[in-house]
C-alpha atoms as a PDB file:
ATOM      1  CA  UNK A   1       1.117   3.714  14.014  1.00  0.00           C
ATOM      2  CA  UNK A   2      -1.044   5.513  12.144  1.00  0.00           C
ATOM      3  CA  UNK A   3      -1.413   7.614   9.064  1.00  0.00           C
ATOM      4  CA  UNK A   4      -3.967   9.901   7.168  1.00  0.00           C
ATOM      5  CA  UNK A   5      -4.706   8.344   3.555  1.00  0.00           C
ATOM      6  CA  UNK A   6      -5.394   9.985   0.653  1.00  0.00           C
ATOM      7  CA  UNK A   7      -8.725  10.103   1.016  1.00  0.00           C
ATOM      8  CA  UNK A   8      -9.056  11.362   4.483  1.00  0.00           C
ATOM      9  CA  UNK A   9      -9.193   7.938   6.524  1.00  0.00           C
ATOM     10  CA  UNK A  10      -7.079   7.123   9.120  1.00  0.00           C
ATOM     11  CA  UNK A  11      -4.960   3.994   8.461  1.00  0.00           C
ATOM     12  CA  UNK A  12      -3.500   2.076  11.273  1.00  0.00           C
ATOM     13  CA  UNK A  13      -0.519  -0.406  11.089  1.00  0.00           C
ATOM     14  CA  UNK A  14      -0.823  -2.654  14.027  1.00  0.00           C
ATOM     15  CA  UNK A  15       2.376  -4.626  15.656  1.00  0.00           C
ATOM     16  CA  UNK A  16       0.908  -7.648  14.278  1.00  0.00           C
ATOM     17  CA  UNK A  17       0.762  -6.757  10.656  1.00  0.00           C
ATOM     18  CA  UNK A  18       4.059  -4.960  10.520  1.00  0.00           C
ATOM     19  CA  UNK A  19       5.720  -8.502  11.719  1.00  0.00           C
ATOM     20  CA  UNK A  20       3.767 -10.139   9.180  1.00  0.00           C
ATOM     21  CA  UNK A  21       5.098  -7.673   6.587  1.00  0.00           C
ATOM     22  CA  UNK A  22       8.770  -8.108   7.589  1.00  0.00           C
ATOM     23  CA  UNK A  23       8.647 -11.826   7.868  1.00  0.00           C
ATOM     24  CA  UNK A  24       7.165 -12.271   4.379  1.00  0.00           C
ATOM     25  CA  UNK A  25       8.914  -9.394   2.819  1.00  0.00           C
ATOM     26  CA  UNK A  26      12.058  -8.814   4.628  1.00  0.00           C
ATOM     27  CA  UNK A  27      13.418  -6.257   2.351  1.00  0.00           C
ATOM     28  CA  UNK A  28      10.674  -3.839   3.778  1.00  0.00           C
ATOM     29  CA  UNK A  29      12.358  -4.060   7.192  1.00  0.00           C
ATOM     30  CA  UNK A  30      13.472  -0.226   7.326  1.00  0.00           C
ATOM     31  CA  UNK A  31      10.768   0.774   4.781  1.00  0.00           C
ATOM     32  CA  UNK A  32       8.280   2.050   7.291  1.00  0.00           C
ATOM     33  CA  UNK A  33       8.328   5.565   6.595  1.00  0.00           C
ATOM     34  CA  UNK A  34       8.223   4.511   2.728  1.00  0.00           C
ATOM     35  CA  UNK A  35       5.261   2.604   3.662  1.00  0.00           C
ATOM     36  CA  UNK A  36       3.332   5.213   5.312  1.00  0.00           C
ATOM     37  CA  UNK A  37       4.142   7.965   2.808  1.00  0.00           C
ATOM     38  CA  UNK A  38       2.514   5.343   0.054  1.00  0.00           C
ATOM     39  CA  UNK A  39      -0.704   5.467   1.840  1.00  0.00           C
ATOM     40  CA  UNK A  40      -0.763   9.135   2.732  1.00  0.00           C
ATOM     41  CA  UNK A  41       0.556  10.261  -0.604  1.00  0.00           C
ATOM     42  CA  UNK A  42       0.336   7.734  -3.275  1.00  0.00           C
ATOM     43  CA  UNK A  43       0.780   8.134  -7.104  1.00  0.00           C
ATOM     44  CA  UNK A  44      -1.928   5.160  -7.886  1.00  0.00           C
ATOM     45  CA  UNK A  45      -4.692   3.940  -5.898  1.00  0.00           C
ATOM     46  CA  UNK A  46      -6.577   0.795  -7.057  1.00  0.00           C
ATOM     47  CA  UNK A  47      -9.618  -1.060  -5.126  1.00  0.00           C
ATOM     48  CA  UNK A  48     -10.189  -4.808  -5.857  1.00  0.00           C
ATOM     49  CA  UNK A  49     -13.211  -6.888  -5.657  1.00  0.00           C
ATOM     50  CA  UNK A  50     -13.196  -7.254  -1.996  1.00  0.00           C
ATOM     51  CA  UNK A  51     -12.734  -3.486  -1.179  1.00  0.00           C
ATOM     52  CA  UNK A  52      -9.017  -3.326  -0.262  1.00  0.00           C
ATOM     53  CA  UNK A  53      -7.260  -0.295  -1.584  1.00  0.00           C
ATOM     54  CA  UNK A  54      -4.244  -0.739  -3.143  1.00  0.00           C
ATOM     55  CA  UNK A  55      -1.760   2.348  -2.950  1.00  0.00           C
ATOM     56  CA  UNK A  56       1.201   2.437  -5.169  1.00  0.00           C
ATOM     57  CA  UNK A  57       4.460   4.509  -4.915  1.00  0.00           C
ATOM     58  CA  UNK A  58       6.770   4.791  -8.157  1.00  0.00           C
ATOM     59  CA  UNK A  59      10.246   4.150  -6.843  1.00  0.00           C
ATOM     60  CA  UNK A  60      13.432   5.575  -8.412  1.00  0.00           C
ATOM     61  CA  UNK A  61      16.559   3.818  -7.579  1.00  0.00           C
ATOM     62  CA  UNK A  62      14.934   1.227  -5.231  1.00  0.00           C
ATOM     63  CA  UNK A  63      15.010  -2.789  -5.401  1.00  0.00           C
ATOM     64  CA  UNK A  64      11.922  -2.368  -7.839  1.00  0.00           C
ATOM     65  CA  UNK A  65       9.481  -0.572  -9.729  1.00  0.00           C
ATOM     66  CA  UNK A  66       6.922   0.147  -7.204  1.00  0.00           C
ATOM     67  CA  UNK A  67       6.098  -0.243  -3.670  1.00  0.00           C
ATOM     68  CA  UNK A  68       2.388  -1.537  -3.088  1.00  0.00           C
ATOM     69  CA  UNK A  69       0.598  -0.850   0.337  1.00  0.00           C
ATOM     70  CA  UNK A  70      -2.883  -2.888   0.822  1.00  0.00           C
ATOM     71  CA  UNK A  71      -5.046  -1.886   3.282  1.00  0.00           C
ATOM     72  CA  UNK A  72      -8.839  -2.240   3.822  1.00  0.00           C
ATOM     73  CA  UNK A  73     -11.426   0.260   5.437  1.00  0.00           C
ATOM     74  CA  UNK A  74     -13.902  -0.777   8.337  1.00  0.00           C
ATOM     75  CA  UNK A  75     -16.331   1.931   9.368  1.00  0.00           C
ATOM     76  CA  UNK A  76     -14.046   5.206   9.622  1.00  0.00           C
ATOM     77  CA  UNK A  77     -10.659   3.696  10.002  1.00  0.00           C
ATOM     78  CA  UNK A  78      -8.573   1.665   7.720  1.00  0.00           C
ATOM     79  CA  UNK A  79      -5.917  -1.208   8.617  1.00  0.00           C
ATOM     80  CA  UNK A  80      -2.798  -1.930   6.450  1.00  0.00           C
ATOM     81  CA  UNK A  81      -2.742  -5.441   5.413  1.00  0.00           C
ATOM     82  CA  UNK A  82       0.601  -6.306   3.663  1.00  0.00           C
ATOM     83  CA  UNK A  83       3.323  -4.506   1.791  1.00  0.00           C
ATOM     84  CA  UNK A  84       5.691  -5.513  -1.036  1.00  0.00           C
ATOM     85  CA  UNK A  85       7.638  -4.432  -4.090  1.00  0.00           C
ATOM     86  CA  UNK A  86       6.590  -5.503  -7.487  1.00  0.00           C
ATOM     87  CA  UNK A  87       7.485  -4.429 -11.134  1.00  0.00           C
ATOM     88  CA  UNK A  88       6.058  -2.544 -14.025  1.00  0.00           C
ATOM     89  CA  UNK A  89       5.073  -5.505 -15.691  1.00  0.00           C
ATOM     90  CA  UNK A  90       3.597  -7.375 -12.574  1.00  0.00           C
ATOM     91  CA  UNK A  91       1.972  -4.012 -11.498  1.00  0.00           C
ATOM     92  CA  UNK A  92       0.521  -3.631 -15.289  1.00  0.00           C
ATOM     93  CA  UNK A  93      -0.950  -7.179 -15.577  1.00  0.00           C
ATOM     94  CA  UNK A  94      -2.689  -7.293 -12.014  1.00  0.00           C
ATOM     95  CA  UNK A  95      -4.415  -3.979 -11.954  1.00  0.00           C
ATOM     96  CA  UNK A  96      -5.828  -4.179 -15.235  1.00  0.00           C
ATOM     97  CA  UNK A  97      -8.945  -5.755 -13.725  1.00  0.00           C
ATOM     98  CA  UNK A  98      -9.245  -3.266 -10.647  1.00  0.00           C
ATOM     99  CA  UNK A  99     -11.016   0.048 -10.446  1.00  0.00           C
ATOM    100  CA  UNK A 100      -8.543   2.984 -10.427  1.00  0.00           C
ATOM    101  CA  UNK A 101      -9.345   5.613  -8.117  1.00  0.00           C
ATOM    102  CA  UNK A 102      -7.712   9.294  -8.481  1.00  0.00           C
ATOM    103  CA  UNK A 103      -5.582  10.170  -5.204  1.00  0.00           C
ATOM    104  CA  UNK A 104      -6.665  13.967  -4.137  1.00  0.00           C
END
């Protein structure tokens, strides 16, 4: 599966990574469209010290406040590493140290 990210990068979700996401975060099992939409249309984007992108989507009426999808870019393509829910407080604490990008 693939999606075009906010910055024009083609981002892939491999079968192996999808199995990892569902195994580690079973609440994501039926959330594939939401995961891909978060990469394509994030509300916020951060880049960590290792160069991975963190796409965040604010959720209304879901089990948590945000969906986070982490992916990295190699050459011209990106690869989703993981996806999970987080609360507003945890998001605030975690992303203070990361560089915030502006989704286009």
